[in-house]
Amino acid sequence: MKNKLKQLKEAIKGSRFKEAFTMIEMLIVLGIVALLMVIIIPNISGQKQRIDKQANENITEIVSTQANAYYLVEGSGQAVTLEILVAEGYLTEKQAKEAETRIGDQLPSLLANP
């Protein structure tokens, strides 16, 4: 019986994974990963906000420029709409939809006759 117990102890001792990670090593790795996530995630959301802001500025400039071009070329005294700009070829459908989505509240002032 003692012999079998000794063999069992030897088997358990010999079967240990000597190359496995310890709990401390795993906690250190998880800490590093968490630190990297804390650094990276705010940068990603900040980048998205900068991209959205730039897109809003771009579509505002496009609509304003095209409305002014319409007034210069057509010489019309009537107020222009996105539909008129699309119908006359000053804006594409995609640009008009983007303008409605991004800067819908600013459109009346952008489309007003200068």
N, C-alpha and C. Protein backbone atom coordinates (compact mmCIF):
# COMPACT_ATOMS: atom_id res chain seq x y z
N MET A 1 0.81 -1.18 0.00
CA MET A 1 0.00 0.00 0.00
C MET A 1 0.87 1.26 0.00
N LYS A 2 1.91 1.26 0.83
CA LYS A 2 2.81 2.40 0.87
C LYS A 2 3.52 2.56 -0.45
N ASN A 3 3.83 1.44 -1.07
CA ASN A 3 4.51 1.47 -2.37
C ASN A 3 3.60 2.10 -3.43
N LYS A 4 2.34 1.73 -3.41
CA LYS A 4 1.40 2.30 -4.38
C LYS A 4 1.19 3.79 -4.13
N LEU A 5 1.13 4.17 -2.87
CA LEU A 5 0.98 5.58 -2.53
C LEU A 5 2.19 6.38 -2.98
N LYS A 6 3.35 5.80 -2.82
CA LYS A 6 4.58 6.45 -3.26
C LYS A 6 4.59 6.60 -4.78
N GLN A 7 4.14 5.55 -5.50
CA GLN A 7 4.08 5.61 -6.96
C GLN A 7 3.09 6.69 -7.41
N LEU A 8 1.99 6.79 -6.69
CA LEU A 8 0.98 7.79 -7.03
C LEU A 8 1.54 9.20 -6.83
N LYS A 9 2.27 9.42 -5.74
CA LYS A 9 2.89 10.72 -5.49
C LYS A 9 3.89 11.05 -6.58
N GLU A 10 4.67 10.08 -6.99
CA GLU A 10 5.66 10.29 -8.05
C GLU A 10 4.97 10.61 -9.38
N ALA A 11 3.88 9.92 -9.63
CA ALA A 11 3.14 10.16 -10.88
C ALA A 11 2.57 11.58 -10.89
N ILE A 12 2.03 11.99 -9.75
CA ILE A 12 1.47 13.34 -9.67
C ILE A 12 2.57 14.38 -9.80
N LYS A 13 3.68 14.16 -9.12
CA LYS A 13 4.81 15.08 -9.19
C LYS A 13 5.37 15.16 -10.61
N GLY A 14 5.48 14.06 -11.28
CA GLY A 14 6.04 14.03 -12.62
C GLY A 14 5.10 14.57 -13.68
N SER A 15 3.81 14.56 -13.40
CA SER A 15 2.86 15.00 -14.42
C SER A 15 2.57 16.50 -14.38
N ARG A 16 3.16 17.21 -13.46
CA ARG A 16 2.96 18.66 -13.40
C ARG A 16 3.48 19.31 -14.67
N PHE A 17 2.76 20.30 -15.12
CA PHE A 17 3.17 21.03 -16.31
C PHE A 17 4.19 22.08 -15.89
N LYS A 18 5.41 21.81 -16.15
CA LYS A 18 6.46 22.72 -15.72
C LYS A 18 6.56 23.93 -16.64
N GLU A 19 6.00 23.84 -17.83
CA GLU A 19 6.07 24.95 -18.78
C GLU A 19 4.79 25.78 -18.80
N ALA A 20 3.86 25.49 -17.94
CA ALA A 20 2.60 26.22 -17.93
C ALA A 20 2.77 27.59 -17.27
N PHE A 21 1.85 28.50 -17.58
CA PHE A 21 1.88 29.83 -16.98
C PHE A 21 1.38 29.74 -15.54
N THR A 22 1.98 30.52 -14.69
CA THR A 22 1.49 30.59 -13.32
C THR A 22 0.36 31.62 -13.26
N MET A 23 -0.34 31.61 -12.17
CA MET A 23 -1.45 32.55 -12.00
C MET A 23 -0.94 33.99 -12.01
N ILE A 24 0.21 34.23 -11.42
CA ILE A 24 0.79 35.57 -11.40
C ILE A 24 1.09 36.04 -12.82
N GLU A 25 1.67 35.18 -13.63
CA GLU A 25 1.98 35.55 -15.01
C GLU A 25 0.71 35.87 -15.79
N MET A 26 -0.33 35.09 -15.58
CA MET A 26 -1.60 35.34 -16.27
C MET A 26 -2.20 36.68 -15.82
N LEU A 27 -2.12 36.98 -14.54
CA LEU A 27 -2.64 38.26 -14.04
C LEU A 27 -1.86 39.44 -14.61
N ILE A 28 -0.55 39.28 -14.74
CA ILE A 28 0.27 40.34 -15.32
C ILE A 28 -0.13 40.57 -16.78
N VAL A 29 -0.30 39.49 -17.53
CA VAL A 29 -0.70 39.61 -18.94
C VAL A 29 -2.07 40.26 -19.04
N LEU A 30 -3.02 39.84 -18.21
CA LEU A 30 -4.35 40.45 -18.24
C LEU A 30 -4.30 41.92 -17.86
N GLY A 31 -3.43 42.27 -16.93
CA GLY A 31 -3.27 43.68 -16.56
C GLY A 31 -2.73 44.50 -17.71
N ILE A 32 -1.77 43.97 -18.44
CA ILE A 32 -1.20 44.67 -19.59
C ILE A 32 -2.25 44.84 -20.68
N VAL A 33 -3.01 43.79 -20.95
CA VAL A 33 -4.06 43.86 -21.96
C VAL A 33 -5.11 44.90 -21.56
N ALA A 34 -5.50 44.91 -20.29
CA ALA A 34 -6.48 45.89 -19.82
C ALA A 34 -5.94 47.31 -19.96
N LEU A 35 -4.67 47.51 -19.64
CA LEU A 35 -4.05 48.83 -19.78
C LEU A 35 -4.05 49.28 -21.23
N LEU A 36 -3.72 48.38 -22.14
CA LEU A 36 -3.73 48.72 -23.57
C LEU A 36 -5.14 49.08 -24.03
N MET A 37 -6.14 48.36 -23.53
CA MET A 37 -7.52 48.67 -23.92
C MET A 37 -7.93 50.04 -23.40
N VAL A 38 -7.50 50.39 -22.20
CA VAL A 38 -7.82 51.70 -21.64
C VAL A 38 -7.20 52.80 -22.48
N ILE A 39 -6.05 52.54 -23.05
CA ILE A 39 -5.38 53.54 -23.88
C ILE A 39 -5.99 53.61 -25.27
N ILE A 40 -6.29 52.47 -25.87
CA ILE A 40 -6.71 52.41 -27.27
C ILE A 40 -8.17 52.79 -27.48
N ILE A 41 -9.08 52.32 -26.65
CA ILE A 41 -10.51 52.53 -26.88
C ILE A 41 -10.90 54.01 -26.91
N PRO A 42 -10.44 54.85 -25.98
CA PRO A 42 -10.79 56.27 -26.10
C PRO A 42 -10.25 56.92 -27.38
N ASN A 43 -9.09 56.48 -27.84
CA ASN A 43 -8.54 57.02 -29.08
C ASN A 43 -9.42 56.67 -30.27
N ILE A 44 -9.97 55.48 -30.27
CA ILE A 44 -10.83 55.06 -31.38
C ILE A 44 -12.11 55.90 -31.39
N SER A 45 -12.73 56.09 -30.22
CA SER A 45 -13.96 56.88 -30.19
C SER A 45 -13.68 58.34 -30.51
N GLY A 46 -12.54 58.86 -30.08
CA GLY A 46 -12.16 60.23 -30.42
C GLY A 46 -11.94 60.40 -31.91
N GLN A 47 -11.36 59.39 -32.53
CA GLN A 47 -11.13 59.43 -33.97
C GLN A 47 -12.46 59.46 -34.72
N LYS A 48 -13.43 58.69 -34.26
CA LYS A 48 -14.75 58.67 -34.91
C LYS A 48 -15.41 60.04 -34.80
N GLN A 49 -15.29 60.68 -33.65
CA GLN A 49 -15.87 62.01 -33.48
C GLN A 49 -15.21 63.03 -34.42
N ARG A 50 -13.89 62.94 -34.57
CA ARG A 50 -13.20 63.86 -35.48
C ARG A 50 -13.63 63.62 -36.93
N ILE A 51 -13.80 62.36 -37.30
CA ILE A 51 -14.24 62.04 -38.66
C ILE A 51 -15.65 62.57 -38.90
N ASP A 52 -16.55 62.38 -37.94
CA ASP A 52 -17.92 62.89 -38.08
C ASP A 52 -17.95 64.41 -38.20
N LYS A 53 -17.14 65.07 -37.39
CA LYS A 53 -17.08 66.54 -37.44
C LYS A 53 -16.59 67.00 -38.80
N GLN A 54 -15.55 66.35 -39.32
CA GLN A 54 -15.01 66.72 -40.63
C GLN A 54 -16.03 66.45 -41.73
N ALA A 55 -16.76 65.34 -41.64
CA ALA A 55 -17.79 65.03 -42.63
C ALA A 55 -18.89 66.08 -42.61
N ASN A 56 -19.29 66.52 -41.42
CA ASN A 56 -20.31 67.58 -41.32
C ASN A 56 -19.82 68.88 -41.95
N GLU A 57 -18.58 69.23 -41.67
CA GLU A 57 -18.02 70.45 -42.27
C GLU A 57 -17.96 70.34 -43.79
N ASN A 58 -17.57 69.17 -44.28
CA ASN A 58 -17.46 68.97 -45.73
C ASN A 58 -18.82 69.08 -46.42
N ILE A 59 -19.84 68.41 -45.89
CA ILE A 59 -21.14 68.45 -46.55
C ILE A 59 -21.75 69.84 -46.44
N THR A 60 -21.47 70.56 -45.35
CA THR A 60 -21.93 71.94 -45.21
C THR A 60 -21.32 72.81 -46.30
N GLU A 61 -20.03 72.65 -46.51
CA GLU A 61 -19.33 73.43 -47.54
C GLU A 61 -19.85 73.09 -48.94
N ILE A 62 -20.09 71.82 -49.20
CA ILE A 62 -20.59 71.40 -50.51
C ILE A 62 -21.96 72.02 -50.79
N VAL A 63 -22.88 71.90 -49.83
CA VAL A 63 -24.24 72.42 -50.03
C VAL A 63 -24.20 73.94 -50.20
N SER A 64 -23.44 74.61 -49.37
CA SER A 64 -23.34 76.07 -49.45
C SER A 64 -22.78 76.51 -50.80
N THR A 65 -21.71 75.87 -51.22
CA THR A 65 -21.08 76.22 -52.50
C THR A 65 -22.01 75.96 -53.67
N GLN A 66 -22.69 74.83 -53.65
CA GLN A 66 -23.58 74.49 -54.76
C GLN A 66 -24.82 75.39 -54.77
N ALA A 67 -25.31 75.79 -53.61
CA ALA A 67 -26.45 76.72 -53.57
C ALA A 67 -26.03 78.07 -54.14
N ASN A 68 -24.85 78.53 -53.77
CA ASN A 68 -24.34 79.80 -54.32
C ASN A 68 -24.15 79.70 -55.83
N ALA A 69 -23.63 78.57 -56.30
CA ALA A 69 -23.44 78.38 -57.74
C ALA A 69 -24.80 78.40 -58.45
N TYR A 70 -25.81 77.78 -57.85
CA TYR A 70 -27.15 77.79 -58.43
C TYR A 70 -27.66 79.22 -58.56
N TYR A 71 -27.53 80.01 -57.51
CA TYR A 71 -28.02 81.40 -57.56
C TYR A 71 -27.25 82.22 -58.60
N LEU A 72 -25.95 81.98 -58.73
CA LEU A 72 -25.16 82.73 -59.71
C LEU A 72 -25.54 82.35 -61.14
N VAL A 73 -25.69 81.06 -61.39
CA VAL A 73 -25.97 80.59 -62.75
C VAL A 73 -27.43 80.83 -63.13
N GLU A 74 -28.34 80.46 -62.27
CA GLU A 74 -29.77 80.53 -62.59
C GLU A 74 -30.32 81.94 -62.39
N GLY A 75 -29.72 82.71 -61.51
CA GLY A 75 -30.20 84.06 -61.27
C GLY A 75 -31.60 84.11 -60.71
N SER A 76 -32.03 83.06 -60.10
CA SER A 76 -33.39 82.97 -59.59
C SER A 76 -33.50 83.64 -58.23
N GLY A 77 -34.61 84.31 -58.02
CA GLY A 77 -34.84 84.96 -56.73
C GLY A 77 -35.53 84.04 -55.74
N GLN A 78 -35.99 82.88 -56.23
CA GLN A 78 -36.71 81.97 -55.34
C GLN A 78 -35.74 81.17 -54.48
N ALA A 79 -36.22 80.74 -53.34
CA ALA A 79 -35.39 79.92 -52.45
C ALA A 79 -35.14 78.56 -53.09
N VAL A 80 -33.96 78.07 -52.93
CA VAL A 80 -33.59 76.79 -53.51
C VAL A 80 -33.73 75.70 -52.45
N THR A 81 -34.02 74.49 -52.91
CA THR A 81 -34.11 73.33 -52.01
C THR A 81 -33.13 72.27 -52.47
N LEU A 82 -32.95 71.27 -51.63
CA LEU A 82 -32.07 70.16 -52.03
C LEU A 82 -32.62 69.47 -53.28
N GLU A 83 -33.94 69.36 -53.35
CA GLU A 83 -34.55 68.69 -54.50
C GLU A 83 -34.24 69.44 -55.80
N ILE A 84 -34.28 70.76 -55.74
CA ILE A 84 -33.96 71.56 -56.93
C ILE A 84 -32.49 71.38 -57.30
N LEU A 85 -31.62 71.41 -56.30
CA LEU A 85 -30.18 71.23 -56.58
C LEU A 85 -29.89 69.86 -57.18
N VAL A 86 -30.60 68.84 -56.73
CA VAL A 86 -30.42 67.50 -57.30
C VAL A 86 -30.98 67.46 -58.72
N ALA A 87 -32.18 68.02 -58.91
CA ALA A 87 -32.81 68.00 -60.23
C ALA A 87 -31.99 68.76 -61.26
N GLU A 88 -31.36 69.83 -60.84
CA GLU A 88 -30.56 70.65 -61.77
C GLU A 88 -29.13 70.14 -61.91
N GLY A 89 -28.77 69.10 -61.15
CA GLY A 89 -27.44 68.51 -61.29
C GLY A 89 -26.35 69.16 -60.44
N TYR A 90 -26.74 69.98 -59.50
CA TYR A 90 -25.76 70.62 -58.63
C TYR A 90 -25.31 69.69 -57.50
N LEU A 91 -26.18 68.80 -57.09
CA LEU A 91 -25.87 67.80 -56.06
C LEU A 91 -26.30 66.43 -56.54
N THR A 92 -25.65 65.41 -56.01
CA THR A 92 -26.09 64.04 -56.29
C THR A 92 -27.11 63.64 -55.23
N GLU A 93 -27.83 62.57 -55.50
CA GLU A 93 -28.80 62.05 -54.52
C GLU A 93 -28.09 61.71 -53.21
N LYS A 94 -26.92 61.11 -53.34
CA LYS A 94 -26.16 60.71 -52.15
C LYS A 94 -25.79 61.93 -51.31
N GLN A 95 -25.35 63.00 -51.96
CA GLN A 95 -25.00 64.22 -51.23
C GLN A 95 -26.22 64.82 -50.55
N ALA A 96 -27.36 64.81 -51.23
CA ALA A 96 -28.58 65.36 -50.65
C ALA A 96 -29.01 64.56 -49.42
N LYS A 97 -28.96 63.24 -49.51
CA LYS A 97 -29.33 62.40 -48.37
C LYS A 97 -28.37 62.63 -47.21
N GLU A 98 -27.09 62.72 -47.53
CA GLU A 98 -26.07 62.97 -46.50
C GLU A 98 -26.32 64.32 -45.82
N ALA A 99 -26.66 65.32 -46.61
CA ALA A 99 -26.94 66.65 -46.05
C ALA A 99 -28.16 66.61 -45.14
N GLU A 100 -29.21 65.94 -45.56
CA GLU A 100 -30.40 65.84 -44.72
C GLU A 100 -30.10 65.12 -43.41
N THR A 101 -29.28 64.08 -43.50
CA THR A 101 -28.94 63.30 -42.31
C THR A 101 -28.04 64.07 -41.36
N ARG A 102 -26.99 64.66 -41.90
CA ARG A 102 -25.96 65.27 -41.06
C ARG A 102 -26.28 66.70 -40.63
N ILE A 103 -26.79 67.51 -41.54
CA ILE A 103 -26.95 68.94 -41.23
C ILE A 103 -28.36 69.43 -41.55
N GLY A 104 -29.34 68.60 -41.34
CA GLY A 104 -30.72 68.95 -41.66
C GLY A 104 -31.19 70.24 -41.02
N ASP A 105 -30.75 70.52 -39.80
CA ASP A 105 -31.19 71.73 -39.10
C ASP A 105 -30.54 73.00 -39.66
N GLN A 106 -29.41 72.88 -40.34
CA GLN A 106 -28.71 74.03 -40.90
C GLN A 106 -29.10 74.33 -42.35
N LEU A 107 -29.84 73.44 -42.97
CA LEU A 107 -30.15 73.59 -44.40
C LEU A 107 -30.87 74.88 -44.75
N PRO A 108 -31.88 75.32 -44.01
CA PRO A 108 -32.56 76.56 -44.42
C PRO A 108 -31.61 77.76 -44.53
N SER A 109 -30.68 77.88 -43.60
CA SER A 109 -29.76 79.02 -43.67
C SER A 109 -28.73 78.84 -44.78
N LEU A 110 -28.35 77.60 -45.08
CA LEU A 110 -27.39 77.36 -46.16
C LEU A 110 -28.00 77.58 -47.54
N LEU A 111 -29.28 77.27 -47.66
CA LEU A 111 -29.95 77.35 -48.95
C LEU A 111 -30.59 78.71 -49.21
N ALA A 112 -30.54 79.60 -48.24
CA ALA A 112 -31.14 80.93 -48.41
C ALA A 112 -30.38 81.71 -49.47
N ASN A 113 -31.11 82.56 -50.18
CA ASN A 113 -30.51 83.39 -51.23
C ASN A 113 -29.54 84.39 -50.58
N PRO A 114 -28.28 84.38 -51.03
CA PRO A 114 -27.28 85.26 -50.40
C PRO A 114 -27.52 86.73 -50.70
